[in-house]
């Protein structure tokens, strides 16, 4: 009988510390989630927004679909890309994935790409 009462008393005493341990684990998971998912995505979004807002006539860019061209006109939500001589396309600004160094299009044309 005495052992049973001691076992119940030990369980009751351990329950208080387990609640605090669960809160620490939850806090740890929140921190891991923030540093591995939320923070890097926010940083990428800010960098892309800066890229889109810095677009200007004459920039050479690549779209998310892989189209390479030179910016000929910048509008509010769209830009016009010259993808070949006398061929222009209207593309959403948000579809631009990267800018290229000037002269990249010329080197691509010379290499036959």
C-alpha atoms as a PDB file:
ATOM      1  CA  UNK A   1       0.000   0.000   0.000  1.00  0.00           C
ATOM      2  CA  UNK A   2       2.732   2.393   0.882  1.00  0.00           C
ATOM      3  CA  UNK A   3       4.434   1.894  -2.516  1.00  0.00           C
ATOM      4  CA  UNK A   4       1.213   2.697  -4.384  1.00  0.00           C
ATOM      5  CA  UNK A   5       0.781   5.964  -2.486  1.00  0.00           C
ATOM      6  CA  UNK A   6       4.405   6.900  -3.198  1.00  0.00           C
ATOM      7  CA  UNK A   7       3.936   6.194  -6.901  1.00  0.00           C
ATOM      8  CA  UNK A   8       0.870   8.437  -7.080  1.00  0.00           C
ATOM      9  CA  UNK A   9       2.688  11.187  -5.211  1.00  0.00           C
ATOM     10  CA  UNK A  10       5.655  10.969  -7.600  1.00  0.00           C
ATOM     11  CA  UNK A  11       3.349  11.289 -10.636  1.00  0.00           C
ATOM     12  CA  UNK A  12       1.636  14.346  -9.152  1.00  0.00           C
ATOM     13  CA  UNK A  13       4.966  16.043  -8.464  1.00  0.00           C
ATOM     14  CA  UNK A  14       6.362  15.351 -11.955  1.00  0.00           C
ATOM     15  CA  UNK A  15       3.264  16.776 -13.670  1.00  0.00           C
ATOM     16  CA  UNK A  16       4.106  20.386 -12.809  1.00  0.00           C
ATOM     17  CA  UNK A  17       7.552  20.272 -14.406  1.00  0.00           C
ATOM     18  CA  UNK A  18       6.254  18.511 -17.518  1.00  0.00           C
ATOM     19  CA  UNK A  19       3.946  21.445 -18.291  1.00  0.00           C
ATOM     20  CA  UNK A  20       6.860  23.859 -18.241  1.00  0.00           C
ATOM     21  CA  UNK A  21       8.902  21.499 -20.402  1.00  0.00           C
ATOM     22  CA  UNK A  22       6.089  21.389 -22.970  1.00  0.00           C
ATOM     23  CA  UNK A  23       5.994  25.184 -23.117  1.00  0.00           C
ATOM     24  CA  UNK A  24       9.753  25.289 -23.691  1.00  0.00           C
ATOM     25  CA  UNK A  25       9.471  22.739 -26.524  1.00  0.00           C
ATOM     26  CA  UNK A  26       6.657  24.763 -28.101  1.00  0.00           C
ATOM     27  CA  UNK A  27       8.731  27.939 -27.838  1.00  0.00           C
ATOM     28  CA  UNK A  28      11.687  26.132 -29.398  1.00  0.00           C
ATOM     29  CA  UNK A  29       9.566  24.968 -32.330  1.00  0.00           C
ATOM     30  CA  UNK A  30       8.268  28.507 -32.886  1.00  0.00           C
ATOM     31  CA  UNK A  31      11.833  29.857 -32.975  1.00  0.00           C
ATOM     32  CA  UNK A  32      12.978  27.141 -35.378  1.00  0.00           C
ATOM     33  CA  UNK A  33       9.964  27.787 -37.615  1.00  0.00           C
ATOM     34  CA  UNK A  34      10.693  31.535 -37.620  1.00  0.00           C
ATOM     35  CA  UNK A  35      14.401  31.271 -38.420  1.00  0.00           C
ATOM     36  CA  UNK A  36      14.091  28.492 -41.015  1.00  0.00           C
ATOM     37  CA  UNK A  37      10.921  29.549 -42.849  1.00  0.00           C
ATOM     38  CA  UNK A  38       9.492  32.979 -42.101  1.00  0.00           C
ATOM     39  CA  UNK A  39      12.652  35.109 -41.932  1.00  0.00           C
ATOM     40  CA  UNK A  40      14.323  33.826 -45.150  1.00  0.00           C
ATOM     41  CA  UNK A  41      11.062  34.149 -47.110  1.00  0.00           C
ATOM     42  CA  UNK A  42      10.589  37.711 -45.892  1.00  0.00           C
ATOM     43  CA  UNK A  43      14.153  38.559 -46.898  1.00  0.00           C
ATOM     44  CA  UNK A  44      13.642  37.091 -50.408  1.00  0.00           C
ATOM     45  CA  UNK A  45      10.393  39.044 -50.801  1.00  0.00           C
ATOM     46  CA  UNK A  46      12.096  42.330 -49.881  1.00  0.00           C
ATOM     47  CA  UNK A  47      14.980  41.653 -52.284  1.00  0.00           C
ATOM     48  CA  UNK A  48      12.572  40.863 -55.145  1.00  0.00           C
ATOM     49  CA  UNK A  49      10.534  43.979 -54.411  1.00  0.00           C
ATOM     50  CA  UNK A  50      13.725  46.083 -54.553  1.00  0.00           C
ATOM     51  CA  UNK A  51      14.670  44.425 -57.855  1.00  0.00           C
ATOM     52  CA  UNK A  52      11.259  45.138 -59.375  1.00  0.00           C
ATOM     53  CA  UNK A  53      11.240  48.758 -58.232  1.00  0.00           C
ATOM     54  CA  UNK A  54      14.737  49.362 -59.646  1.00  0.00           C
ATOM     55  CA  UNK A  55      13.876  48.233 -63.187  1.00  0.00           C
ATOM     56  CA  UNK A  56      14.725  50.841 -65.810  1.00  0.00           C
ATOM     57  CA  UNK A  57      14.850  51.171 -69.572  1.00  0.00           C
ATOM     58  CA  UNK A  58      17.887  49.344 -70.967  1.00  0.00           C
ATOM     59  CA  UNK A  59      18.168  46.715 -68.214  1.00  0.00           C
ATOM     60  CA  UNK A  60      18.677  43.153 -69.385  1.00  0.00           C
ATOM     61  CA  UNK A  61      16.459  40.753 -67.446  1.00  0.00           C
ATOM     62  CA  UNK A  62      15.294  37.147 -67.153  1.00  0.00           C
ATOM     63  CA  UNK A  63      11.665  36.309 -66.448  1.00  0.00           C
ATOM     64  CA  UNK A  64      10.462  33.496 -64.213  1.00  0.00           C
ATOM     65  CA  UNK A  65       9.662  31.554 -67.394  1.00  0.00           C
ATOM     66  CA  UNK A  66      13.227  31.870 -68.663  1.00  0.00           C
ATOM     67  CA  UNK A  67      12.650  34.553 -71.298  1.00  0.00           C
ATOM     68  CA  UNK A  68      15.628  36.865 -71.718  1.00  0.00           C
ATOM     69  CA  UNK A  69      15.190  40.414 -72.983  1.00  0.00           C
ATOM     70  CA  UNK A  70      15.980  44.114 -72.713  1.00  0.00           C
ATOM     71  CA  UNK A  71      13.546  46.486 -70.991  1.00  0.00           C
ATOM     72  CA  UNK A  72      12.245  49.075 -73.459  1.00  0.00           C
ATOM     73  CA  UNK A  73       9.461  50.631 -71.394  1.00  0.00           C
ATOM     74  CA  UNK A  74       8.522  50.584 -67.702  1.00  0.00           C
ATOM     75  CA  UNK A  75       4.859  50.984 -66.803  1.00  0.00           C
ATOM     76  CA  UNK A  76       3.042  50.738 -63.465  1.00  0.00           C
ATOM     77  CA  UNK A  77       2.559  46.968 -63.278  1.00  0.00           C
ATOM     78  CA  UNK A  78       4.095  45.864 -66.576  1.00  0.00           C
ATOM     79  CA  UNK A  79       7.269  46.290 -68.577  1.00  0.00           C
ATOM     80  CA  UNK A  80       7.933  45.883 -72.274  1.00  0.00           C
ATOM     81  CA  UNK A  81      10.742  43.499 -73.154  1.00  0.00           C
ATOM     82  CA  UNK A  82      12.518  43.400 -76.462  1.00  0.00           C
ATOM     83  CA  UNK A  83      13.221  39.695 -76.954  1.00  0.00           C
ATOM     84  CA  UNK A  84      14.393  39.932 -80.573  1.00  0.00           C
ATOM     85  CA  UNK A  85      14.808  42.725 -83.116  1.00  0.00           C
ATOM     86  CA  UNK A  86      11.379  44.342 -83.671  1.00  0.00           C
ATOM     87  CA  UNK A  87       9.684  41.907 -81.244  1.00  0.00           C
ATOM     88  CA  UNK A  88       8.443  43.200 -77.906  1.00  0.00           C
ATOM     89  CA  UNK A  89       6.461  41.491 -75.171  1.00  0.00           C
ATOM     90  CA  UNK A  90       4.530  42.963 -72.275  1.00  0.00           C
ATOM     91  CA  UNK A  91       5.422  41.173 -69.026  1.00  0.00           C
ATOM     92  CA  UNK A  92       4.292  41.692 -65.440  1.00  0.00           C
ATOM     93  CA  UNK A  93       6.967  43.256 -63.274  1.00  0.00           C
ATOM     94  CA  UNK A  94       6.536  40.529 -60.668  1.00  0.00           C
ATOM     95  CA  UNK A  95       7.530  37.911 -63.292  1.00  0.00           C
ATOM     96  CA  UNK A  96      11.074  39.300 -63.474  1.00  0.00           C
ATOM     97  CA  UNK A  97      13.376  36.954 -61.589  1.00  0.00           C
ATOM     98  CA  UNK A  98      16.796  38.556 -62.140  1.00  0.00           C
ATOM     99  CA  UNK A  99      18.685  41.290 -63.907  1.00  0.00           C
ATOM    100  CA  UNK A 100      21.653  40.440 -66.088  1.00  0.00           C
ATOM    101  CA  UNK A 101      24.904  42.337 -66.556  1.00  0.00           C
ATOM    102  CA  UNK A 102      24.809  44.654 -69.563  1.00  0.00           C
ATOM    103  CA  UNK A 103      26.108  42.940 -72.683  1.00  0.00           C
ATOM    104  CA  UNK A 104      24.788  39.494 -71.800  1.00  0.00           C
ATOM    105  CA  UNK A 105      22.254  39.520 -74.644  1.00  0.00           C
ATOM    106  CA  UNK A 106      24.932  40.466 -77.143  1.00  0.00           C
ATOM    107  CA  UNK A 107      27.197  37.643 -75.987  1.00  0.00           C
ATOM    108  CA  UNK A 108      24.264  35.189 -76.184  1.00  0.00           C
ATOM    109  CA  UNK A 109      23.544  36.293 -79.785  1.00  0.00           C
ATOM    110  CA  UNK A 110      27.197  35.918 -80.776  1.00  0.00           C
ATOM    111  CA  UNK A 111      27.445  32.412 -79.328  1.00  0.00           C
ATOM    112  CA  UNK A 112      24.388  31.311 -81.280  1.00  0.00           C
ATOM    113  CA  UNK A 113      22.173  30.810 -78.182  1.00  0.00           C
END
